[in-house]
Amino acid sequence: MMKETTMDSRSVQPLSHQILAEQLNLISQQIKIILVIVFILSSLAIFAFWTVVPHKILVTWFALVNFPSLMRLVLFYAQKKYSIELRLLGVLNIMLAAWSGTAWGVVGYFFPLYGDTAMLQFITVALFGLTSGAVSGLSSFAPTYFVFSIPVMTALAYRHYSIGGDVNISISIFCIIFLIINLAFSLILQKSFLQSIRLRFENTDLVKNLRREKDKAISASEAKSSFLAATSHDLRQPLHAMGFFIESLEKLLTSSRQRHLLQKIERTSNNLRSQLNDLLDISKIDAGIIKPHIIPLSLSDIFNSLQRTYSPMANEKNITFNILSVSWIIKSDAHMIDRVLNNLVSNAIRYTENDGKILLGCRKRGNELKIEIHDTGIGIPSHLTDNIFTEYYQIDNPERDQNKGLGLGLSIVKGMCDLLGYTIEVHSIIGKGTSFYLTVPLSSRLPVLAGDAMQQVSKLSVKTGNIILIDDESDTLDAMSHLIGNWGHMVLSFSAEGEALNYLNQHDFIPDMIITDFRLRERRTGTQAITAINSYLNKDIPAIIITGDTARDRMLQAQESGHVLLHKPILPAKLKAVINHTLLETDLIH
């Protein structure tokens, strides 16, 4: 029975079938070598017996002894194109092996009748060698070796026994013993082959299962990332608009009670903004779009900024917050080192109880500086210190108190340290406190003041201009348009680039700046809108792209546009500063 076969049909066979197929395959792989060996040995036999054995018998025997090898070759090529039922294939191999063994047994049984003692000795040595050599070639499927070797050695043993004499009878007995030893050795080899084959299949199954589970994990991770990206974008949109409404509302309130309520709303908004920014930072790190800009920075300035920011928070809990005076210059990215140290100090204050102590300092180690943050807080169990850098992991927040964040702070710290090439270590004792150690490289150059360029620009007069604002979210568009207009700018707001182009076509209006959301209607992007407007006006108008996307491909696409990129939700003060800075910078260039 033969039929067309595919790898898929074979892969669904039971393990026993697969093992049998592999056993027979091992024999098939040696077919060509066996064919050559049998042909050479049978040709030597013809040469040796040509003068003593009738030629017709020799020629007939030569054909019979080579026939099984030729048939195996036919099966070998047939198996490449067709699949033969395994049991039938096994039976055919056994039959051909028995045929071959019988043909060689003829040499041991009949040929000595035509010769002398020397011929018998030659035949004995040759058949012993043939039987021994066939063990390795046929033992992957032991039945083939059994049916081959038994006719060969029993025929030779019988011939020696029939001749008689002590020597021949001893040789006859030795033939049987030799046969038994080789049969046992064949079984041992087959067992070894089977174990090897079984282990290989099991390993293959393990690899397949591992790959399957890995694919599931990757799919789950991608689904989680897509969900977080979509959720984050949907949350950023209203929060972005809320920030501008709060800023506008603040100027309309008259009573202290109203302002107090607004402050609570603003605090809640800022808390959510902080959590979304944590998600954004994690997405940026995972997407690989954060590229460190390494410059020499004054550690003293960084420490002073931390002192100003966190001393009030420490005072509220009666925590002694000491920062050692330093004068070192380090190599780092201004934003990233600020993010790392802010996270570490805020965590220290959060997990240090009232009347505790926090110490921030550093030690020089060769060309490096080890920044140390020690606190007398609650401590971290030693078996959990490796987990604290895992995303969304929090040791003591089973109730998921939003004031304790999302558990992303230290994973952001670790991600940024990896990008900067810094090492971060943690040592902690329950009830005693925790120490973080951050190793950073020293610089011999003068420091660059972070934000120095912005400070220089801010000393100039505030610049107002004509601004085109594009956003397909009506609430966001209204909030931004109203607030930017209050800052003294002439704002034209549109929900799509087509509306902006139609307006420009009908009015004599040249914008000084374009502010656009990245994701617009009809699958258009802010980058395309800016390009279309610039192309229509034949100008290169400065632009700001605002995005709420955290998906890797969209963040990369927005970043590669070359325009100023801001991420929702944006603090109104930050947007105001960026607009002013961009307009003034454009004036300076012109």
Protein backbone atom coordinates (compact mmCIF):
# COMPACT_ATOMS: atom_id res chain seq x y z
CA MET A 1 0.00 0.00 0.00
CA MET A 2 1.55 3.28 -1.10
CA LYS A 3 0.19 6.80 -0.97
CA GLU A 4 1.39 10.38 -1.12
CA THR A 5 2.74 11.54 2.22
CA THR A 6 3.44 14.82 3.96
CA MET A 7 5.36 15.78 7.07
CA ASP A 8 2.11 16.77 8.78
CA SER A 9 0.58 13.31 8.41
CA ARG A 10 3.70 11.74 9.83
CA SER A 11 3.89 14.16 12.74
CA VAL A 12 0.49 13.04 14.08
CA GLN A 13 1.55 9.36 14.31
CA PRO A 14 1.89 7.79 17.80
CA LEU A 15 5.34 7.85 19.36
CA SER A 16 5.83 4.10 18.78
CA HIS A 17 5.23 4.57 15.05
CA GLN A 18 7.65 7.49 14.92
CA ILE A 19 10.32 5.45 16.71
CA LEU A 20 9.86 2.49 14.34
CA ALA A 21 10.08 4.84 11.37
CA GLU A 22 13.33 6.25 12.75
CA GLN A 23 14.74 2.72 13.29
CA LEU A 24 14.04 1.79 9.69
CA ASN A 25 15.36 5.15 8.55
CA LEU A 26 18.70 4.45 10.24
CA ILE A 27 18.99 1.22 8.26
CA SER A 28 17.95 2.96 5.04
CA GLN A 29 20.71 5.54 5.50
CA GLN A 30 23.31 2.74 5.21
CA ILE A 31 21.79 1.09 2.12
CA LYS A 32 24.35 2.42 -0.36
CA ILE A 33 27.30 1.46 1.84
CA ILE A 34 25.85 -2.03 2.41
CA LEU A 35 25.30 -2.41 -1.35
CA VAL A 36 28.95 -1.60 -2.06
CA ILE A 37 30.27 -3.84 0.74
CA VAL A 38 28.12 -6.82 -0.33
CA PHE A 39 29.17 -6.38 -3.95
CA ILE A 40 32.88 -6.28 -3.02
CA LEU A 41 32.67 -9.28 -0.66
CA SER A 42 30.64 -11.37 -3.10
CA SER A 43 33.08 -10.48 -5.91
CA LEU A 44 36.01 -11.62 -3.73
CA ALA A 45 34.14 -14.85 -3.01
CA ILE A 46 33.64 -15.43 -6.75
CA PHE A 47 37.35 -14.87 -7.30
CA ALA A 48 38.31 -17.21 -4.44
CA PHE A 49 35.96 -20.04 -5.42
CA TRP A 50 36.10 -19.70 -9.22
CA THR A 51 38.42 -22.65 -9.72
CA VAL A 52 36.69 -25.05 -7.31
CA VAL A 53 32.95 -24.28 -7.40
CA PRO A 54 30.90 -24.74 -10.58
CA HIS A 55 30.46 -21.45 -12.38
CA LYS A 56 26.67 -21.73 -12.68
CA ILE A 57 26.39 -22.12 -8.91
CA LEU A 58 28.70 -19.15 -8.31
CA VAL A 59 26.86 -16.87 -10.72
CA THR A 60 23.47 -17.88 -9.31
CA TRP A 61 24.73 -17.31 -5.75
CA PHE A 62 26.21 -13.92 -6.75
CA ALA A 63 22.82 -12.81 -8.07
CA LEU A 64 20.97 -14.11 -5.04
CA VAL A 65 23.31 -12.48 -2.49
CA ASN A 66 23.17 -9.04 -4.20
CA PHE A 67 19.43 -9.09 -4.83
CA PRO A 68 18.42 -8.02 -1.26
CA SER A 69 20.77 -5.03 -1.38
CA LEU A 70 19.30 -3.90 -4.69
CA MET A 71 15.78 -4.30 -3.31
CA ARG A 72 16.67 -2.21 -0.25
CA LEU A 73 17.91 0.51 -2.62
CA VAL A 74 14.57 0.39 -4.45
CA LEU A 75 12.74 0.71 -1.12
CA PHE A 76 14.99 3.62 -0.16
CA TYR A 77 14.01 5.67 -3.22
CA ALA A 78 10.36 4.58 -3.03
CA GLN A 79 10.20 5.77 0.56
CA LYS A 80 11.35 9.25 -0.50
CA LYS A 81 8.32 9.65 -2.72
CA TYR A 82 5.75 7.40 -1.11
CA SER A 83 4.95 6.32 2.39
CA ILE A 84 4.86 2.58 2.94
CA GLU A 85 2.88 1.34 5.91
CA LEU A 86 5.45 0.93 8.69
CA ARG A 87 4.68 -2.66 9.57
CA LEU A 88 4.90 -3.67 5.93
CA LEU A 89 8.18 -1.80 5.60
CA GLY A 90 9.50 -3.56 8.69
CA VAL A 91 8.44 -6.97 7.37
CA LEU A 92 10.08 -6.28 3.99
CA ASN A 93 13.34 -5.31 5.71
CA ILE A 94 13.22 -8.49 7.81
CA MET A 95 12.53 -10.64 4.74
CA LEU A 96 15.39 -9.08 2.78
CA ALA A 97 17.75 -9.50 5.75
CA ALA A 98 16.71 -13.17 6.05
CA TRP A 99 17.28 -13.61 2.31
CA SER A 100 20.73 -12.07 2.57
CA GLY A 101 21.62 -14.19 5.64
CA THR A 102 20.48 -17.37 3.91
CA ALA A 103 22.53 -16.52 0.80
CA TRP A 104 25.65 -16.05 2.93
CA GLY A 105 24.76 -19.18 4.90
CA VAL A 106 24.99 -21.09 1.62
CA VAL A 107 28.68 -20.15 1.51
CA GLY A 108 29.28 -21.72 4.91
CA TYR A 109 27.17 -24.81 4.27
CA PHE A 110 27.80 -25.81 0.63
CA PHE A 111 31.02 -24.21 -0.59
CA PRO A 112 33.34 -26.19 1.77
CA LEU A 113 32.17 -29.34 -0.01
CA TYR A 114 34.12 -28.23 -3.09
CA GLY A 115 37.36 -27.25 -1.40
CA ASP A 116 39.94 -28.26 1.14
CA THR A 117 40.75 -27.29 4.72
CA ALA A 118 42.26 -23.96 3.66
CA MET A 119 39.01 -22.98 1.92
CA LEU A 120 37.04 -23.91 5.05
CA GLN A 121 39.31 -21.74 7.16
CA PHE A 122 38.91 -18.84 4.72
CA ILE A 123 35.12 -19.19 4.74
CA THR A 124 35.04 -19.40 8.55
CA VAL A 125 37.08 -16.23 9.03
CA ALA A 126 35.07 -14.36 6.37
CA LEU A 127 31.67 -15.27 7.86
CA PHE A 128 32.81 -14.47 11.40
CA GLY A 129 33.88 -11.02 10.19
CA LEU A 130 30.65 -10.52 8.22
CA THR A 131 28.49 -11.48 11.21
CA SER A 132 30.44 -9.24 13.57
CA GLY A 133 30.46 -6.27 11.17
CA ALA A 134 26.71 -6.43 10.56
CA VAL A 135 25.95 -5.79 14.25
CA SER A 136 26.42 -2.03 14.07
CA GLY A 137 24.66 -1.69 10.71
CA LEU A 138 21.49 -3.67 11.46
CA SER A 139 21.00 -3.40 15.24
CA SER A 140 18.96 -0.20 15.09
CA PHE A 141 16.19 -2.68 14.17
CA ALA A 142 17.38 -5.88 15.87
CA PRO A 143 15.02 -8.35 14.08
CA THR A 144 16.90 -7.69 10.82
CA TYR A 145 20.20 -8.63 12.46
CA PHE A 146 18.69 -11.75 14.02
CA VAL A 147 17.33 -13.13 10.72
CA PHE A 148 20.61 -12.28 8.98
CA SER A 149 23.14 -13.67 11.48
CA ILE A 150 21.31 -16.84 12.57
CA PRO A 151 21.34 -18.51 9.08
CA VAL A 152 24.97 -17.51 8.54
CA MET A 153 26.38 -18.84 11.82
CA THR A 154 24.13 -21.91 12.19
CA ALA A 155 24.99 -23.07 8.66
CA LEU A 156 28.71 -22.62 9.37
CA ALA A 157 28.38 -24.36 12.76
CA TYR A 158 26.56 -27.29 11.17
CA ARG A 159 29.20 -27.65 8.45
CA HIS A 160 32.03 -27.79 11.04
CA TYR A 161 30.03 -30.25 13.14
CA SER A 162 29.29 -32.49 10.12
CA ILE A 163 32.99 -32.69 9.19
CA GLY A 164 33.73 -33.96 12.67
CA GLY A 165 36.89 -33.99 14.74
CA ASP A 166 37.67 -32.24 17.98
CA VAL A 167 38.79 -29.02 16.29
CA ASN A 168 35.76 -28.70 14.02
CA ILE A 169 33.32 -29.57 16.80
CA SER A 170 34.98 -26.94 19.01
CA ILE A 171 34.68 -24.40 16.20
CA SER A 172 31.03 -25.41 15.77
CA ILE A 173 30.36 -24.76 19.47
CA PHE A 174 32.27 -21.47 19.26
CA CYS A 175 30.09 -20.42 16.30
CA ILE A 176 26.95 -20.80 18.45
CA ILE A 177 28.53 -18.97 21.40
CA PHE A 178 29.73 -16.20 19.07
CA LEU A 179 26.23 -15.96 17.60
CA ILE A 180 24.60 -15.68 21.04
CA ILE A 181 27.06 -12.98 22.12
CA ASN A 182 26.41 -10.95 18.98
CA LEU A 183 22.64 -11.35 19.32
CA ALA A 184 22.84 -10.07 22.90
CA PHE A 185 25.07 -7.20 21.81
CA SER A 186 22.58 -6.39 19.06
CA LEU A 187 19.76 -6.14 21.62
CA ILE A 188 21.90 -3.84 23.77
CA LEU A 189 22.64 -1.62 20.77
CA GLN A 190 18.96 -1.54 19.80
CA LYS A 191 18.04 -0.50 23.34
CA SER A 192 20.61 2.28 23.16
CA PHE A 193 19.27 3.37 19.76
CA LEU A 194 15.70 3.38 21.08
CA GLN A 195 16.64 5.44 24.13
CA SER A 196 18.47 7.93 21.93
CA ILE A 197 15.55 8.17 19.50
CA ARG A 198 13.00 8.49 22.32
CA LEU A 199 15.02 11.22 24.03
CA ARG A 200 15.35 13.08 20.74
CA PHE A 201 11.61 12.97 20.16
CA GLU A 202 10.93 14.01 23.76
CA ASN A 203 13.38 16.89 23.41
CA THR A 204 11.71 17.87 20.15
CA ASP A 205 8.32 17.82 21.89
CA LEU A 206 9.73 19.86 24.77
CA VAL A 207 11.13 22.42 22.33
CA LYS A 208 7.78 22.57 20.50
CA ASN A 209 5.91 22.99 23.79
CA LEU A 210 8.39 25.61 24.93
CA ARG A 211 8.04 27.48 21.65
CA ARG A 212 4.25 27.19 21.88
CA GLU A 213 4.23 28.54 25.44
CA LYS A 214 6.69 31.25 24.43
CA ASP A 215 4.42 32.26 21.55
CA LYS A 216 1.47 32.32 23.95
CA ALA A 217 3.43 34.49 26.37
CA ILE A 218 4.49 36.84 23.57
CA SER A 219 0.90 37.04 22.31
CA ALA A 220 -0.35 37.71 25.83
CA SER A 221 2.31 40.37 26.32
CA GLU A 222 1.47 41.99 22.98
CA ALA A 223 -2.23 41.88 23.83
CA LYS A 224 -1.48 43.45 27.21
CA SER A 225 0.67 46.12 25.59
CA SER A 226 -2.01 46.85 22.99
CA PHE A 227 -4.66 47.06 25.70
CA LEU A 228 -2.50 49.34 27.84
CA ALA A 229 -1.65 51.50 24.82
CA ALA A 230 -5.32 51.84 23.86
CA THR A 231 -6.43 52.41 27.46
CA SER A 232 -3.62 54.86 28.08
CA HIS A 233 -4.50 56.83 24.94
CA ASP A 234 -8.20 56.92 25.84
CA LEU A 235 -7.41 58.10 29.38
CA ARG A 236 -4.90 60.71 28.26
CA GLN A 237 -7.39 62.46 25.97
CA PRO A 238 -9.89 63.62 28.64
CA LEU A 239 -7.15 64.18 31.24
CA HIS A 240 -5.29 66.33 28.73
CA ALA A 241 -8.41 68.46 28.22
CA MET A 242 -9.11 68.49 31.97
CA GLY A 243 -5.75 70.11 32.68
CA PHE A 244 -6.58 73.04 30.41
CA PHE A 245 -10.11 73.40 31.81
CA ILE A 246 -8.70 73.47 35.36
CA GLU A 247 -6.21 76.15 34.35
CA SER A 248 -8.99 78.25 32.80
CA LEU A 249 -11.38 77.65 35.71
CA GLU A 250 -8.83 78.81 38.29
CA LYS A 251 -9.03 82.38 37.00
CA LEU A 252 -12.84 82.43 37.36
CA LEU A 253 -13.09 81.30 41.00
CA THR A 254 -13.63 83.92 43.69
CA SER A 255 -14.00 82.18 47.06
CA SER A 256 -11.35 80.29 49.03
CA ARG A 257 -13.69 77.27 49.33
CA GLN A 258 -13.98 77.08 45.55
CA ARG A 259 -10.22 77.27 45.17
CA HIS A 260 -9.77 74.59 47.84
CA LEU A 261 -12.08 72.22 45.94
CA LEU A 262 -10.26 73.01 42.70
CA GLN A 263 -6.95 72.18 44.37
CA LYS A 264 -8.33 68.74 45.29
CA ILE A 265 -9.46 68.22 41.71
CA GLU A 266 -6.05 69.33 40.49
CA ARG A 267 -4.29 67.01 42.97
CA THR A 268 -6.35 64.05 41.73
CA SER A 269 -5.64 65.03 38.14
CA ASN A 270 -1.91 65.32 38.84
CA ASN A 271 -1.90 61.91 40.53
CA LEU A 272 -3.48 60.30 37.48
CA ARG A 273 -1.14 62.27 35.21
CA SER A 274 1.85 60.94 37.17
CA GLN A 275 0.65 57.35 36.79
CA LEU A 276 0.05 57.77 33.06
CA ASN A 277 3.51 59.31 32.70
CA ASP A 278 4.94 56.22 34.41
CA LEU A 279 3.18 54.08 31.80
CA LEU A 280 4.56 56.35 29.10
CA ASP A 281 8.13 56.01 30.40
CA ILE A 282 7.84 52.21 30.52
CA SER A 283 6.47 52.21 26.97
CA LYS A 284 9.33 54.43 25.79
CA ILE A 285 11.91 52.16 27.43
CA ASP A 286 10.31 49.03 25.94
CA ALA A 287 10.08 50.69 22.52
CA GLY A 288 13.73 51.69 22.65
CA ILE A 289 13.01 55.29 21.66
CA ILE A 290 14.73 56.85 24.66
CA LYS A 291 18.25 57.81 23.61
CA PRO A 292 20.45 59.15 26.42
CA HIS A 293 22.05 62.54 25.74
CA ILE A 294 25.17 62.31 27.88
CA ILE A 295 26.57 65.63 29.10
CA PRO A 296 28.62 66.75 32.13
CA LEU A 297 26.24 67.66 34.97
CA SER A 298 26.79 69.21 38.38
CA LEU A 299 25.74 66.72 41.04
CA SER A 300 25.46 69.62 43.48
CA ASP A 301 22.75 71.25 41.33
CA ILE A 302 20.89 67.94 41.12
CA PHE A 303 21.08 67.40 44.88
CA ASN A 304 19.94 70.99 45.56
CA SER A 305 16.92 70.46 43.32
CA LEU A 306 16.05 67.28 45.22
CA GLN A 307 16.42 69.17 48.51
CA ARG A 308 13.99 71.88 47.37
CA THR A 309 11.48 69.36 46.04
CA TYR A 310 11.39 66.81 48.85
CA SER A 311 12.23 68.74 52.03
CA PRO A 312 8.60 69.92 52.44
CA MET A 313 7.36 66.32 52.03
CA ALA A 314 9.93 65.08 54.55
CA ASN A 315 8.98 67.83 57.01
CA GLU A 316 5.32 66.77 56.87
CA LYS A 317 6.37 63.35 58.27
CA ASN A 318 9.00 64.85 60.58
CA ILE A 319 11.68 62.97 58.64
CA THR A 320 15.27 64.18 58.89
CA PHE A 321 16.35 64.58 55.26
CA ASN A 322 20.11 65.19 55.02
CA ILE A 323 21.99 65.73 51.77
CA LEU A 324 25.77 65.79 51.90
CA SER A 325 27.52 68.66 50.15
CA VAL A 326 29.21 67.55 46.92
CA SER A 327 31.15 69.19 44.10
CA TRP A 328 31.47 66.31 41.64
CA ILE A 329 30.68 66.51 37.93
CA ILE A 330 29.09 63.37 36.47
CA LYS A 331 28.38 62.09 32.96
CA SER A 332 24.66 61.56 32.50
CA ASP A 333 21.45 62.49 30.75
CA ALA A 334 19.85 65.41 32.60
CA HIS A 335 16.27 64.15 32.37
CA MET A 336 17.07 60.51 33.07
CA ILE A 337 19.31 61.02 36.12
CA ASP A 338 16.70 63.42 37.48
CA ARG A 339 13.96 60.80 36.94
CA VAL A 340 16.03 58.07 38.61
CA LEU A 341 16.97 60.07 41.71
CA ASN A 342 13.49 61.55 42.09
CA ASN A 343 12.02 58.04 42.11
CA LEU A 344 14.51 56.78 44.68
CA VAL A 345 14.11 59.76 47.02
CA SER A 346 10.30 59.79 46.77
CA ASN A 347 10.24 56.06 47.56
CA ALA A 348 12.50 56.63 50.56
CA ILE A 349 10.12 59.27 51.93
CA ARG A 350 7.04 57.17 51.16
CA TYR A 351 8.30 54.07 52.99
CA THR A 352 10.02 55.83 55.91
CA GLU A 353 7.82 56.24 58.95
CA ASN A 354 7.42 59.45 60.92
CA ASP A 355 10.53 60.67 62.75
CA GLY A 356 12.75 58.58 60.47
CA LYS A 357 15.93 59.58 58.67
CA ILE A 358 17.04 59.77 55.04
CA LEU A 359 20.59 60.40 53.89
CA LEU A 360 21.67 61.25 50.34
CA GLY A 361 25.38 61.32 49.55
CA CYS A 362 28.11 59.78 47.42
CA ARG A 363 31.55 58.14 47.52
CA LYS A 364 34.30 58.33 44.91
CA ARG A 365 35.53 54.99 43.54
CA GLY A 366 38.28 55.57 40.97
CA ASN A 367 36.72 57.17 37.89
CA GLU A 368 33.24 56.49 39.18
CA LEU A 369 30.95 57.89 41.83
CA LYS A 370 28.64 55.78 43.96
CA ILE A 371 25.50 57.76 44.80
CA GLU A 372 23.92 56.39 47.98
CA ILE A 373 20.42 56.82 49.36
CA HIS A 374 19.88 55.44 52.88
CA ASP A 375 16.62 55.42 54.81
CA THR A 376 15.36 54.03 58.11
CA GLY A 377 12.12 52.82 56.54
CA ILE A 378 10.22 49.55 56.79
CA GLY A 379 12.79 47.62 54.76
CA ILE A 380 12.42 44.96 52.06
CA PRO A 381 12.53 41.17 52.67
CA SER A 382 15.77 39.79 51.22
CA HIS A 383 13.94 37.28 49.02
CA LEU A 384 11.96 40.11 47.39
CA THR A 385 14.78 42.54 46.55
CA ASP A 386 15.06 41.19 42.99
CA ASN A 387 11.31 41.58 42.44
CA ILE A 388 11.11 45.29 43.23
CA PHE A 389 12.45 46.19 39.77
CA THR A 390 9.63 44.22 38.09
CA GLU A 391 6.84 46.16 36.37
CA TYR A 392 3.64 46.62 38.45
CA TYR A 393 5.21 44.92 41.48
CA GLN A 394 4.46 46.41 44.89
CA ILE A 395 5.41 44.75 48.16
CA ASP A 396 2.90 46.43 50.44
CA ASN A 397 -0.11 47.58 48.45
CA PRO A 398 -2.68 44.75 48.37
CA GLU A 399 -5.50 47.27 48.40
CA ARG A 400 -3.98 48.97 45.29
CA ASP A 401 -3.98 52.42 46.89
CA GLN A 402 -3.61 54.81 43.94
CA ASN A 403 -1.53 57.15 46.11
CA LYS A 404 1.17 54.47 46.11
CA GLY A 405 1.34 54.48 42.33
CA LEU A 406 1.27 51.58 39.89
CA GLY A 407 4.46 49.85 40.94
CA LEU A 408 6.38 51.18 37.94
CA GLY A 409 8.81 53.57 39.65
CA LEU A 410 11.67 51.16 40.29
CA SER A 411 11.19 49.35 36.97
CA ILE A 412 11.60 52.76 35.29
CA VAL A 413 14.71 53.35 37.43
CA LYS A 414 16.16 49.99 36.35
CA GLY A 415 15.29 50.57 32.68
CA MET A 416 16.89 54.02 32.62
CA CYS A 417 19.98 52.77 34.49
CA ASP A 418 20.36 50.03 31.87
CA LEU A 419 20.10 52.61 29.08
CA LEU A 420 22.70 54.80 30.80
CA GLY A 421 24.97 51.84 31.52
CA TYR A 422 24.73 52.38 35.29
CA THR A 423 24.64 49.66 37.92
CA ILE A 424 22.08 49.89 40.71
CA GLU A 425 22.20 47.82 43.88
CA VAL A 426 19.90 47.50 46.86
CA HIS A 427 20.53 46.30 50.40
CA SER A 428 17.76 46.15 52.95
CA ILE A 429 16.97 44.85 56.44
CA ILE A 430 13.39 44.46 57.63
CA GLY A 431 12.60 47.09 60.24
CA LYS A 432 16.00 48.77 59.80
CA GLY A 433 15.78 50.43 56.41
CA THR A 434 16.94 50.28 52.81
CA SER A 435 19.97 51.53 50.90
CA PHE A 436 20.21 52.07 47.14
CA TYR A 437 23.59 52.43 45.43
CA LEU A 438 23.87 53.98 41.98
CA THR A 439 27.26 53.90 40.25
CA VAL A 440 27.80 56.70 37.71
CA PRO A 441 30.89 57.84 35.74
CA LEU A 442 32.72 61.03 36.67
CA SER A 443 33.45 63.82 34.19
CA SER A 444 36.44 66.15 34.02
CA ARG A 445 34.58 68.74 31.93
CA LEU A 446 32.64 71.75 33.16
CA PRO A 447 28.95 71.04 33.76
CA VAL A 448 26.17 71.96 31.39
CA LEU A 449 23.32 73.62 33.25
CA ALA A 450 20.13 71.70 32.62
CA GLY A 451 17.53 73.90 30.98
CA ASP A 452 20.07 76.70 30.49
CA ALA A 453 18.93 77.44 26.96
CA MET A 454 15.32 77.70 28.10
CA GLN A 455 16.31 80.04 30.91
CA GLN A 456 18.12 82.32 28.45
CA VAL A 457 15.07 82.45 26.23
CA SER A 458 12.73 83.04 29.18
CA LYS A 459 14.58 86.27 29.97
CA LEU A 460 13.36 87.68 26.66
CA SER A 461 9.90 89.17 26.27
CA VAL A 462 6.99 86.80 25.85
CA LYS A 463 6.25 86.15 22.19
CA THR A 464 2.74 85.78 20.82
CA GLY A 465 1.77 84.62 17.37
CA ASN A 466 -0.77 83.13 14.98
CA ILE A 467 -1.34 79.46 15.77
CA ILE A 468 -3.20 76.76 13.85
CA LEU A 469 -4.55 74.13 16.25
CA ILE A 470 -5.73 70.74 14.90
CA ASP A 471 -7.36 68.04 17.04
CA ASP A 472 -10.28 65.73 16.28
CA GLU A 473 -11.34 65.61 19.96
CA SER A 474 -13.78 68.50 20.40
CA ASP A 475 -13.31 68.85 24.18
CA THR A 476 -9.54 68.94 23.86
CA LEU A 477 -9.76 71.38 20.95
CA ASP A 478 -12.04 73.76 22.89
CA ALA A 479 -9.96 73.62 26.07
CA MET A 480 -6.63 74.20 24.33
CA SER A 481 -8.01 76.88 22.01
CA HIS A 482 -9.50 78.82 24.91
CA LEU A 483 -6.41 78.65 27.11
CA ILE A 484 -3.85 79.37 24.36
CA GLY A 485 -6.00 82.31 23.31
CA ASN A 486 -5.88 83.61 26.90
CA TRP A 487 -2.09 83.57 26.65
CA GLY A 488 -2.35 86.24 23.96
CA HIS A 489 -2.08 84.12 20.82
CA MET A 490 -4.35 84.29 17.79
CA VAL A 491 -5.71 80.72 17.59
CA LEU A 492 -7.56 79.10 14.70
CA SER A 493 -8.82 75.65 15.67
CA PHE A 494 -9.77 72.86 13.26
CA SER A 495 -10.82 69.24 13.69
CA ALA A 496 -9.01 68.08 10.52
CA GLU A 497 -6.25 69.20 8.20
CA GLY A 498 -8.74 69.58 5.34
CA GLU A 499 -10.60 72.28 7.28
CA ALA A 500 -7.33 74.12 7.90
CA LEU A 501 -6.36 73.98 4.22
CA ASN A 502 -9.81 75.21 3.14
CA TYR A 503 -9.51 78.17 5.52
CA LEU A 504 -6.03 79.05 4.27
CA ASN A 505 -7.31 78.88 0.71
CA GLN A 506 -10.04 81.43 1.46
CA HIS A 507 -8.21 83.81 3.83
CA ASP A 508 -4.94 85.67 3.92
CA PHE A 509 -3.57 84.04 7.04
CA ILE A 510 0.04 82.93 7.67
CA PRO A 511 0.50 80.91 10.87
CA ASP A 512 3.58 81.29 13.05
CA MET A 513 3.10 77.81 14.48
CA ILE A 514 1.13 74.61 13.98
CA ILE A 515 0.01 72.55 16.98
CA THR A 516 -1.58 69.23 16.06
CA ASP A 517 -2.61 65.96 17.60
CA PHE A 518 -0.68 63.02 16.16
CA ARG A 519 -3.69 60.80 15.49
CA LEU A 520 -6.28 62.55 13.31
CA ARG A 521 -9.38 61.56 11.38
CA GLU A 522 -9.40 59.24 8.37
CA ARG A 523 -6.16 57.61 9.55
CA ARG A 524 -4.23 60.81 8.93
CA THR A 525 -1.38 61.85 11.22
CA GLY A 526 -0.23 65.18 12.56
CA THR A 527 2.99 64.78 10.58
CA GLN A 528 1.00 64.54 7.35
CA ALA A 529 -1.09 67.57 8.32
CA ILE A 530 2.03 69.67 8.98
CA THR A 531 3.56 68.57 5.67
CA ALA A 532 0.36 69.42 3.77
CA ILE A 533 0.09 72.91 5.28
CA ASN A 534 3.78 73.68 4.74
CA SER A 535 3.51 72.46 1.16
CA TYR A 536 0.46 74.65 0.52
CA LEU A 537 2.10 77.76 2.02
CA ASN A 538 5.52 76.88 0.63
CA LYS A 539 6.99 77.57 4.08
CA ASP A 540 8.68 75.65 6.87
CA ILE A 541 6.46 76.57 9.81
CA PRO A 542 7.56 75.39 13.27
CA ALA A 543 5.24 72.76 14.68
CA ILE A 544 4.42 70.89 17.85
CA ILE A 545 2.99 67.38 17.74
CA ILE A 546 0.98 66.21 20.73
CA THR A 547 0.37 62.48 21.16
CA GLY A 548 -1.36 60.24 23.64
CA ASP A 549 -0.10 57.07 21.99
CA THR A 550 2.15 54.67 23.86
CA ALA A 551 2.30 51.97 21.18
CA ARG A 552 5.89 51.47 20.02
CA ASP A 553 5.34 51.98 16.28
CA ARG A 554 3.31 55.16 16.76
CA MET A 555 5.78 56.67 19.24
CA LEU A 556 8.65 55.95 16.86
CA GLN A 557 6.71 57.44 13.94
CA ALA A 558 5.93 60.60 15.92
CA GLN A 559 9.49 60.96 17.18
CA GLU A 560 10.99 60.52 13.70
CA SER A 561 8.90 63.41 12.34
CA GLY A 562 11.57 65.87 13.51
CA HIS A 563 9.05 68.23 15.12
CA VAL A 564 8.73 69.11 18.80
CA LEU A 565 6.98 66.15 20.43
CA LEU A 566 4.88 66.41 23.60
CA HIS A 567 3.02 63.60 25.35
CA LYS A 568 -0.47 63.88 26.78
CA PRO A 569 -1.48 64.89 29.36
CA ILE A 570 0.54 68.11 29.23
CA LEU A 571 0.73 70.60 32.04
CA PRO A 572 -0.54 73.95 30.70
CA ALA A 573 2.55 75.70 32.08
CA LYS A 574 4.79 73.34 30.12
CA LEU A 575 2.87 73.85 26.88
CA LYS A 576 2.99 77.63 27.40
CA ALA A 577 6.76 77.51 27.91
CA VAL A 578 7.31 75.29 24.86
CA ILE A 579 5.18 77.53 22.63
CA ASN A 580 6.99 80.66 23.83
CA HIS A 581 10.40 79.02 23.52
CA THR A 582 9.69 77.74 19.99
CA LEU A 583 8.40 81.11 18.76
CA LEU A 584 11.34 83.02 20.28
CA GLU A 585 13.83 80.48 18.96
CA THR A 586 12.35 80.89 15.47
CA ASP A 587 12.77 84.67 15.75
CA LEU A 588 16.39 84.25 16.86
CA ILE A 589 17.11 82.00 13.88
CA HIS A 590 15.53 84.46 11.45
